Protein backbone atom coordinates (compact mmCIF):
# COMPACT_ATOMS: atom_id res chain seq x y z
CA MET A 1 24.37 -67.92 39.65
CA LYS A 2 22.68 -64.88 38.46
CA ASP A 3 20.16 -66.99 36.24
CA ILE A 4 19.11 -69.04 39.10
CA ILE A 5 18.51 -66.13 41.24
CA HIS A 6 16.57 -64.31 38.51
CA LYS A 7 14.28 -67.15 37.58
CA SER A 8 13.89 -67.50 41.75
CA SER A 9 13.12 -64.09 42.01
CA LEU A 10 10.58 -64.50 39.07
CA TRP A 11 8.78 -67.22 40.55
CA MET A 12 8.59 -65.59 43.81
CA THR A 13 7.45 -62.13 42.60
CA MET A 14 4.49 -64.14 41.08
CA LEU A 15 3.89 -66.00 44.04
CA THR A 16 3.84 -62.93 46.29
CA SER A 17 2.15 -60.77 43.61
CA GLY A 18 -0.94 -63.57 43.34
CA SER A 19 -1.02 -63.72 47.34
CA THR A 20 -2.01 -60.00 47.69
CA LEU A 21 -4.67 -60.87 45.13
CA ILE A 22 -6.08 -63.94 47.21
CA CYS A 23 -5.53 -62.69 50.58
CA CYS A 24 -6.87 -59.08 49.91
CA ALA A 25 -8.34 -58.66 46.75
CA LEU A 26 -10.66 -61.71 46.08
CA PRO A 27 -12.39 -61.27 49.29
CA ALA A 28 -13.09 -57.59 48.91
CA ILE A 29 -14.33 -58.26 45.37
CA LEU A 30 -16.51 -60.76 46.41
CA VAL A 31 -18.06 -58.89 49.12
CA ALA A 32 -18.70 -56.20 46.90
CA LEU A 33 -20.53 -58.68 44.51
CA GLY A 34 -22.64 -59.60 47.27
CA ALA A 35 -21.19 -62.91 47.80
CA GLY A 36 -20.25 -62.58 51.39
CA THR A 37 -21.10 -66.45 51.82
CA ALA A 38 -18.54 -67.49 49.26
CA VAL A 39 -16.04 -65.33 51.57
CA VAL A 40 -17.10 -67.38 54.19
CA VAL A 41 -16.66 -70.75 52.70
CA LEU A 42 -13.37 -69.74 51.30
CA VAL A 43 -11.92 -68.84 54.69
CA GLY A 44 -13.43 -71.99 56.17
CA ALA A 45 -11.65 -74.00 53.64
CA PHE A 46 -8.55 -71.96 53.89
CA PRO A 47 -8.21 -70.47 57.54
CA GLN A 48 -4.50 -69.26 56.29
CA LEU A 49 -6.15 -66.69 54.46
CA ILE A 50 -6.94 -64.73 57.88
CA TRP A 51 -3.05 -64.92 58.77
CA LEU A 52 -2.33 -63.52 55.11
CA SER A 53 -5.02 -60.69 55.81
CA ALA A 54 -3.53 -59.83 59.28
CA HIS A 55 -0.20 -59.33 57.61
CA LYS A 56 -0.96 -57.83 54.47
CA ILE A 57 1.64 -54.72 55.20
CA GLY A 58 4.17 -57.32 55.22
CA LEU A 59 2.83 -59.43 52.20
CA PHE A 60 2.47 -56.15 50.00
CA GLY A 61 6.18 -55.02 51.29
CA PHE A 62 7.83 -58.38 50.29
CA GLY A 63 5.98 -58.23 47.53
CA ALA A 64 7.23 -55.00 46.65
CA VAL A 65 11.24 -55.90 47.24
CA MET A 66 10.75 -58.91 45.06
CA LEU A 67 9.42 -57.15 42.12
CA ALA A 68 12.34 -54.74 42.44
CA VAL A 69 14.80 -57.73 43.18
CA SER A 70 13.41 -59.59 40.18
CA ARG A 71 13.79 -56.45 37.87
CA TYR A 72 17.40 -56.05 39.17
CA PHE A 73 18.04 -59.46 37.90
CA SER A 74 16.40 -59.05 34.82
CA ARG A 75 18.55 -55.93 33.64
CA ILE A 76 21.81 -57.21 34.58
CA THR A 77 21.13 -60.68 32.65
CA GLN A 78 19.93 -58.69 29.97
CA ASN A 79 22.96 -58.90 27.33
CA THR A 80 23.84 -62.35 28.23
CA CYS A 81 22.90 -64.65 25.74
CA PRO A 82 25.39 -67.10 24.24
CA MET A 83 26.81 -66.86 20.67
CA ASP A 84 25.60 -70.09 19.11
CA PRO A 85 22.57 -69.04 16.97
CA GLN A 86 20.10 -71.82 18.42
CA LEU A 87 20.91 -71.17 21.64
CA ALA A 88 20.50 -67.53 21.61
CA GLN A 89 17.07 -67.81 20.25
CA LYS A 90 15.86 -70.11 22.87
CA CYS A 91 17.73 -67.39 25.31
CA LYS A 92 15.89 -64.49 23.65
CA GLU A 93 12.57 -66.62 24.16
CA ALA A 94 13.17 -67.09 27.90
CA LYS A 95 13.75 -63.71 28.33
CA ARG A 96 10.67 -62.51 26.48
CA LEU A 97 8.57 -65.08 28.79
CA SER A 98 10.45 -63.78 31.98
CA GLY A 99 9.22 -60.50 30.57
CA ILE A 100 5.68 -61.39 30.43
CA ILE A 101 5.83 -63.19 33.86
CA TRP A 102 7.22 -59.92 35.53
CA TRP A 103 4.69 -57.51 33.95
CA GLY A 104 1.82 -59.90 34.72
CA SER A 105 3.13 -59.82 38.56
CA VAL A 106 3.35 -56.21 38.08
CA VAL A 107 -0.68 -56.43 36.99
CA LEU A 108 -1.31 -58.75 39.96
CA TYR A 109 0.27 -56.38 42.59
CA ILE A 110 -1.30 -53.37 41.41
CA ILE A 111 -5.01 -54.95 41.61
CA GLY A 112 -4.08 -56.24 44.79
CA PHE A 113 -2.86 -53.03 46.32
CA SER A 114 -5.91 -51.16 44.36
CA VAL A 115 -8.57 -52.99 46.17
CA SER A 116 -6.37 -53.38 49.44
CA TYR A 117 -5.64 -49.96 49.75
CA ILE A 118 -6.91 -47.21 47.40
CA LEU A 119 -10.15 -48.59 46.88
CA PRO A 120 -11.31 -48.32 51.06
CA PHE A 121 -9.68 -45.04 50.68
CA LEU A 122 -12.02 -43.62 47.93
CA LEU A 123 -15.02 -45.17 49.22
CA GLY A 124 -14.27 -44.52 52.79
């Protein structure tokens, strides 16, 4: 059961971290690069971006919670590989992939947070 929750929380973490980039960082970067028209086209094609941007505090809060939950479950399942050598090897590979996904989510979250909250503070 812990493994199922761990896998689910990892994918939710990646989803929420990616959402912070899409809602907040991508439009800001495009406008900074002078591609404001691309943002208009993007919002026209995906009007849900406006809702995500309007609720970015909740999005970033949920993303932080998901990062913490997935890290917690990865820590409590850290030493739970089977005794069979073949299964143990697959388990180690899966845990390595989980770590890569988690750290990738952290990087995405930090980029989104930086562009949404830190960069405007520094430029403003």
